[in-house]
Amino acid sequence: MGISERMGDVLGHAVQAKLLREVLEHPLQVNHLAIIMDGNRRFAWKSKLATGIGHRIGKEKLERVLDWVLELKIPWFTVYALSTENLNRPQEELDVLFKLYAEGLRDIADDPRIHENNVKVHIIGRRELLPENVIEAIDYAESKTKDYDDFVFTVCLAYGSREEMITAIQTIAKDFASGDLALDDIDQKAVSDRLYTADMPDPDLVVRTSGEERISNFLLWQMAYSELYFTDVFWPSFQKKDLLKAIRTYQERGRRYGE
């Protein structure tokens, strides 16, 4: 490594340290961070790698990002891992993804950092659409962390926000028809209480990687007043400085909630 590269590394670390200090010292902190992890396949194609390798690097990146979230003491962290639309991908790619999800959930459940930090692992989505090995890994991760509540790490698997809202509407209709819910009691809280995220605060900040600027059927109801941040970086290339930049941008915005 030449002198210029070493100097670049030093400056990069200095900038990152400055960003971290600014984020931690700011009076506005992120309570719930959500990330749409996008770009594994394009990262692999650009790097001339097999798609499966891109997904594996993406899995390893998530483990790193979870470390950063714990360091920043963000109590709620939610990631969009697999949409219901993604289930239409080629079976060969899905098999790779399912294997990674099963492996990743078990790795997280057995990770000492999860238990040292009292992290509850929570999976939302239509798990009946997932293969048995993934469902077993979900049950394993949730059961091993069910008594924790300092941090909540939520993974959206086979998740679609429109489907989630339809289910909530159906439940409301049934409760009304049975007399358990009055017409005047059907309000925003009645809907929120029937979503997968009923026990979670809405996201403060939603980050999407890979340069795409859309929310792709993710937390549509919950994201009503979230701050959105889009970055061109593919998920496997996402760095700590990218996360810190997103949070600093959030902290510099004025959240008015329609006022």
Protein backbone atom coordinates (compact mmCIF):
# COMPACT_ATOMS: atom_id res chain seq x y z
CA MET A 1 0.00 0.00 0.00
CA GLY A 2 1.44 3.39 -1.01
CA ILE A 3 1.68 6.56 1.06
CA SER A 4 -1.30 8.14 -0.69
CA GLU A 5 -3.49 5.10 0.07
CA ARG A 6 -2.42 5.08 3.70
CA MET A 7 -3.17 8.80 3.94
CA GLY A 8 -6.58 8.14 2.37
CA ASP A 9 -7.33 5.48 4.98
CA VAL A 10 -6.31 7.81 7.81
CA LEU A 11 -8.45 10.63 6.47
CA GLY A 12 -11.36 8.24 5.92
CA HIS A 13 -11.18 7.02 9.50
CA ALA A 14 -10.97 10.61 10.74
CA VAL A 15 -14.07 11.62 8.77
CA GLN A 16 -15.96 8.57 10.03
CA ALA A 17 -14.94 9.30 13.63
CA LYS A 18 -16.16 12.89 13.23
CA LEU A 19 -19.47 11.70 11.79
CA LEU A 20 -19.93 9.21 14.61
CA ARG A 21 -19.27 11.88 17.22
CA GLU A 22 -21.74 14.26 15.58
CA VAL A 23 -24.42 11.57 15.38
CA LEU A 24 -24.02 10.53 19.02
CA GLU A 25 -23.95 14.12 20.33
CA HIS A 26 -27.00 15.32 18.40
CA PRO A 27 -30.17 15.82 20.48
CA LEU A 28 -32.32 14.06 17.86
CA GLN A 29 -31.67 10.33 17.87
CA VAL A 30 -33.13 7.59 15.69
CA ASN A 31 -35.49 5.39 17.67
CA HIS A 32 -36.46 3.08 14.80
CA LEU A 33 -34.28 2.53 11.74
CA ALA A 34 -35.58 0.55 8.76
CA ILE A 35 -33.49 -0.49 5.77
CA ILE A 36 -34.51 -1.80 2.37
CA MET A 37 -31.46 -3.94 1.59
CA ASP A 38 -31.21 -3.73 -2.18
CA GLY A 39 -28.49 -4.46 -4.70
CA ASN A 40 -27.07 -7.91 -3.91
CA ARG A 41 -27.63 -9.20 -7.43
CA ARG A 42 -26.36 -6.09 -9.18
CA PHE A 43 -23.30 -6.07 -6.93
CA ALA A 44 -22.60 -9.66 -7.96
CA TRP A 45 -23.13 -8.97 -11.67
CA LYS A 46 -20.92 -5.88 -11.58
CA SER A 47 -18.22 -7.83 -9.71
CA LYS A 48 -18.56 -10.80 -12.11
CA LEU A 49 -19.64 -13.05 -9.25
CA ALA A 50 -22.40 -15.63 -9.00
CA THR A 51 -25.69 -14.21 -7.73
CA GLY A 52 -25.54 -16.50 -4.70
CA ILE A 53 -22.21 -15.01 -3.66
CA GLY A 54 -23.75 -11.55 -3.81
CA HIS A 55 -26.53 -12.68 -1.48
CA ARG A 56 -24.01 -14.26 0.91
CA ILE A 57 -21.95 -11.07 1.06
CA GLY A 58 -25.22 -9.23 1.69
CA LYS A 59 -25.97 -11.56 4.63
CA GLU A 60 -22.53 -10.87 6.10
CA LYS A 61 -23.10 -7.13 5.63
CA LEU A 62 -26.30 -7.30 7.66
CA GLU A 63 -24.38 -8.80 10.56
CA ARG A 64 -21.94 -5.87 10.41
CA VAL A 65 -24.73 -3.31 10.22
CA LEU A 66 -26.40 -4.86 13.26
CA ASP A 67 -23.14 -4.22 15.13
CA TRP A 68 -23.25 -0.56 14.12
CA VAL A 69 -26.90 -0.24 15.15
CA LEU A 70 -26.06 -1.64 18.58
CA GLU A 71 -23.12 0.75 18.88
CA LEU A 72 -25.44 3.66 18.05
CA LYS A 73 -27.97 2.32 20.58
CA ILE A 74 -30.87 2.37 18.11
CA PRO A 75 -33.50 0.28 19.94
CA TRP A 76 -35.60 -0.72 16.91
CA PHE A 77 -34.00 -2.01 13.71
CA THR A 78 -36.06 -3.45 10.85
CA VAL A 79 -34.83 -4.83 7.52
CA TYR A 80 -36.67 -5.80 4.34
CA ALA A 81 -35.11 -9.11 3.37
CA LEU A 82 -37.67 -10.80 1.11
CA SER A 83 -40.88 -9.42 -0.35
CA THR A 84 -43.84 -11.49 -1.46
CA GLU A 85 -42.99 -10.36 -5.00
CA ASN A 86 -39.47 -11.76 -4.61
CA LEU A 87 -41.01 -15.21 -4.28
CA ASN A 88 -41.52 -15.11 -8.06
CA ARG A 89 -37.75 -15.25 -8.65
CA PRO A 90 -36.17 -18.39 -10.17
CA GLN A 91 -36.35 -21.35 -7.79
CA GLU A 92 -32.57 -21.82 -7.92
CA GLU A 93 -32.03 -18.30 -6.56
CA LEU A 94 -34.76 -18.75 -3.96
CA ASP A 95 -33.15 -21.96 -2.73
CA VAL A 96 -29.91 -20.05 -2.15
CA LEU A 97 -31.78 -17.29 -0.32
CA PHE A 98 -33.75 -19.71 1.86
CA LYS A 99 -30.55 -21.50 2.85
CA LEU A 100 -28.95 -18.17 3.80
CA TYR A 101 -32.00 -17.08 5.82
CA ALA A 102 -32.10 -20.35 7.76
CA GLU A 103 -28.35 -20.19 8.38
CA GLY A 104 -28.41 -16.50 9.24
CA LEU A 105 -31.26 -16.73 11.72
CA ARG A 106 -29.58 -19.57 13.58
CA ASP A 107 -26.25 -17.73 13.56
CA ILE A 108 -27.90 -14.64 15.01
CA ALA A 109 -29.77 -16.64 17.65
CA ASP A 110 -26.48 -18.20 18.79
CA ASP A 111 -24.42 -14.99 18.56
CA PRO A 112 -23.13 -13.88 22.00
CA ARG A 113 -23.60 -10.25 20.97
CA ILE A 114 -27.34 -10.81 20.68
CA HIS A 115 -27.55 -12.13 24.22
CA GLU A 116 -25.09 -9.62 25.69
CA ASN A 117 -27.22 -6.77 24.31
CA ASN A 118 -30.63 -8.34 25.04
CA VAL A 119 -31.74 -8.25 21.41
CA LYS A 120 -35.13 -9.71 20.59
CA VAL A 121 -35.31 -11.24 17.09
CA HIS A 122 -38.69 -10.76 15.45
CA ILE A 123 -39.81 -12.03 12.03
CA ILE A 124 -42.82 -10.58 10.23
CA GLY A 125 -44.45 -11.67 7.00
CA ARG A 126 -46.34 -14.63 5.60
CA ARG A 127 -44.18 -17.36 7.03
CA GLU A 128 -46.53 -20.02 5.67
CA LEU A 129 -45.07 -19.20 2.23
CA LEU A 130 -41.58 -20.11 3.41
CA PRO A 131 -40.00 -23.59 3.39
CA GLU A 132 -39.92 -25.65 6.55
CA ASN A 133 -36.21 -25.13 7.24
CA VAL A 134 -36.69 -21.34 7.30
CA ILE A 135 -39.78 -21.60 9.52
CA GLU A 136 -37.84 -23.80 11.96
CA ALA A 137 -34.99 -21.25 12.03
CA ILE A 138 -37.50 -18.45 12.67
CA ASP A 139 -38.98 -20.36 15.60
CA TYR A 140 -35.48 -21.05 16.93
CA ALA A 141 -34.35 -17.41 16.76
CA GLU A 142 -37.55 -16.03 18.24
CA SER A 143 -37.71 -18.56 21.07
CA LYS A 144 -34.06 -17.99 22.09
CA THR A 145 -34.54 -14.21 22.30
CA LYS A 146 -38.19 -13.90 23.38
CA ASP A 147 -37.37 -12.59 26.86
CA TYR A 148 -35.21 -9.70 25.65
CA ASP A 149 -36.43 -6.15 25.16
CA ASP A 150 -33.47 -3.73 25.12
CA PHE A 151 -33.27 -3.93 21.31
CA VAL A 152 -35.66 -5.38 18.72
CA PHE A 153 -34.28 -6.67 15.43
CA THR A 154 -37.09 -7.31 12.95
CA VAL A 155 -36.63 -9.16 9.68
CA CYS A 156 -39.37 -8.92 7.04
CA LEU A 157 -39.57 -12.23 5.18
CA ALA A 158 -42.24 -13.04 2.59
CA TYR A 159 -43.59 -9.62 3.53
CA GLY A 160 -45.84 -7.30 1.57
CA SER A 161 -47.40 -4.20 3.08
CA ARG A 162 -50.56 -4.30 0.96
CA GLU A 163 -51.19 -7.88 2.04
CA GLU A 164 -50.57 -6.85 5.63
CA MET A 165 -53.16 -4.06 5.38
CA ILE A 166 -55.70 -6.33 3.68
CA THR A 167 -55.36 -8.78 6.57
CA ALA A 168 -55.89 -5.93 9.04
CA ILE A 169 -59.00 -4.78 7.13
CA GLN A 170 -60.39 -8.32 7.11
CA THR A 171 -59.84 -8.60 10.87
CA ILE A 172 -61.59 -5.28 11.43
CA ALA A 173 -64.53 -6.43 9.29
CA LYS A 174 -64.83 -9.68 11.27
CA ASP A 175 -64.63 -7.84 14.61
CA PHE A 176 -67.30 -5.37 13.46
CA ALA A 177 -69.56 -8.12 12.15
CA SER A 178 -69.30 -10.03 15.44
CA GLY A 179 -70.07 -6.91 17.47
CA ASP A 180 -66.61 -6.77 19.06
CA LEU A 181 -65.77 -3.48 17.34
CA ALA A 182 -68.06 -0.47 17.01
CA LEU A 183 -68.11 1.56 13.80
CA ASP A 184 -66.93 4.68 15.63
CA ASP A 185 -63.96 2.75 17.03
CA ILE A 186 -62.52 2.03 13.58
CA ASP A 187 -59.71 4.57 13.53
CA GLN A 188 -55.96 4.72 12.88
CA LYS A 189 -55.19 2.93 16.13
CA ALA A 190 -57.61 0.12 15.25
CA VAL A 191 -55.69 -0.42 12.01
CA SER A 192 -52.23 -0.11 13.57
CA ASP A 193 -53.15 -2.58 16.30
CA ARG A 194 -53.94 -5.22 13.65
CA LEU A 195 -50.73 -4.94 11.67
CA TYR A 196 -47.68 -7.18 12.07
CA THR A 197 -45.98 -4.19 13.67
CA ALA A 198 -48.63 -3.58 16.32
CA ASP A 199 -46.10 -3.50 19.17
CA MET A 200 -43.53 -1.41 17.29
CA PRO A 201 -43.11 2.36 16.84
CA ASP A 202 -43.25 3.65 13.28
CA PRO A 203 -39.84 4.04 11.60
CA ASP A 204 -38.13 7.40 12.02
CA LEU A 205 -35.72 6.80 9.16
CA VAL A 206 -36.00 4.46 6.17
CA VAL A 207 -32.84 3.86 4.12
CA ARG A 208 -32.80 2.20 0.71
CA THR A 209 -29.56 1.15 -0.94
CA SER A 210 -28.65 0.57 -4.62
CA GLY A 211 -29.90 3.83 -6.15
CA GLU A 212 -33.56 2.84 -6.50
CA GLU A 213 -35.91 5.52 -5.17
CA ARG A 214 -39.11 3.67 -4.32
CA ILE A 215 -40.44 1.89 -1.26
CA SER A 216 -41.55 -1.35 -2.94
CA ASN A 217 -44.53 -2.36 -0.80
CA PHE A 218 -42.60 -1.89 2.47
CA LEU A 219 -44.33 -0.60 5.63
CA LEU A 220 -46.70 1.61 3.62
CA TRP A 221 -48.93 2.45 6.58
CA GLN A 222 -46.11 2.76 9.09
CA MET A 223 -43.99 4.97 6.83
CA ALA A 224 -46.50 7.84 6.63
CA TYR A 225 -44.16 10.31 8.35
CA SER A 226 -40.82 8.55 8.10
CA GLU A 227 -37.82 10.36 6.68
CA LEU A 228 -36.57 8.62 3.53
CA TYR A 229 -32.91 8.37 2.52
CA PHE A 230 -31.71 6.85 -0.75
CA THR A 231 -28.10 5.96 -1.50
CA ASP A 232 -26.51 4.68 -4.73
CA VAL A 233 -24.38 2.16 -2.80
CA PHE A 234 -25.26 -1.50 -3.35
CA TRP A 235 -26.12 -3.27 -0.09
CA PRO A 236 -22.97 -5.47 0.01
CA SER A 237 -20.86 -2.29 -0.34
CA PHE A 238 -22.74 -0.35 2.36
CA GLN A 239 -20.27 1.07 4.87
CA LYS A 240 -20.51 2.51 8.34
CA LYS A 241 -19.93 6.00 6.95
CA ASP A 242 -22.96 5.51 4.67
CA LEU A 243 -25.15 4.72 7.66
CA LEU A 244 -23.78 7.68 9.60
CA LYS A 245 -24.41 10.00 6.64
CA ALA A 246 -28.02 8.81 6.47
CA ILE A 247 -28.54 9.45 10.17
CA ARG A 248 -26.88 12.89 10.00
CA THR A 249 -29.17 13.79 7.11
CA TYR A 250 -32.14 12.69 9.20
CA GLN A 251 -30.93 14.76 12.17
CA GLU A 252 -30.59 17.88 10.00
CA ARG A 253 -34.13 17.66 8.64
CA GLY A 254 -37.03 19.35 10.38
CA ARG A 255 -39.78 16.78 11.08
CA ARG A 256 -43.12 18.59 11.02
CA TYR A 257 -45.64 15.76 10.71
CA GLY A 258 -47.78 17.81 8.33
CA GLU A 259 -47.73 20.96 10.46
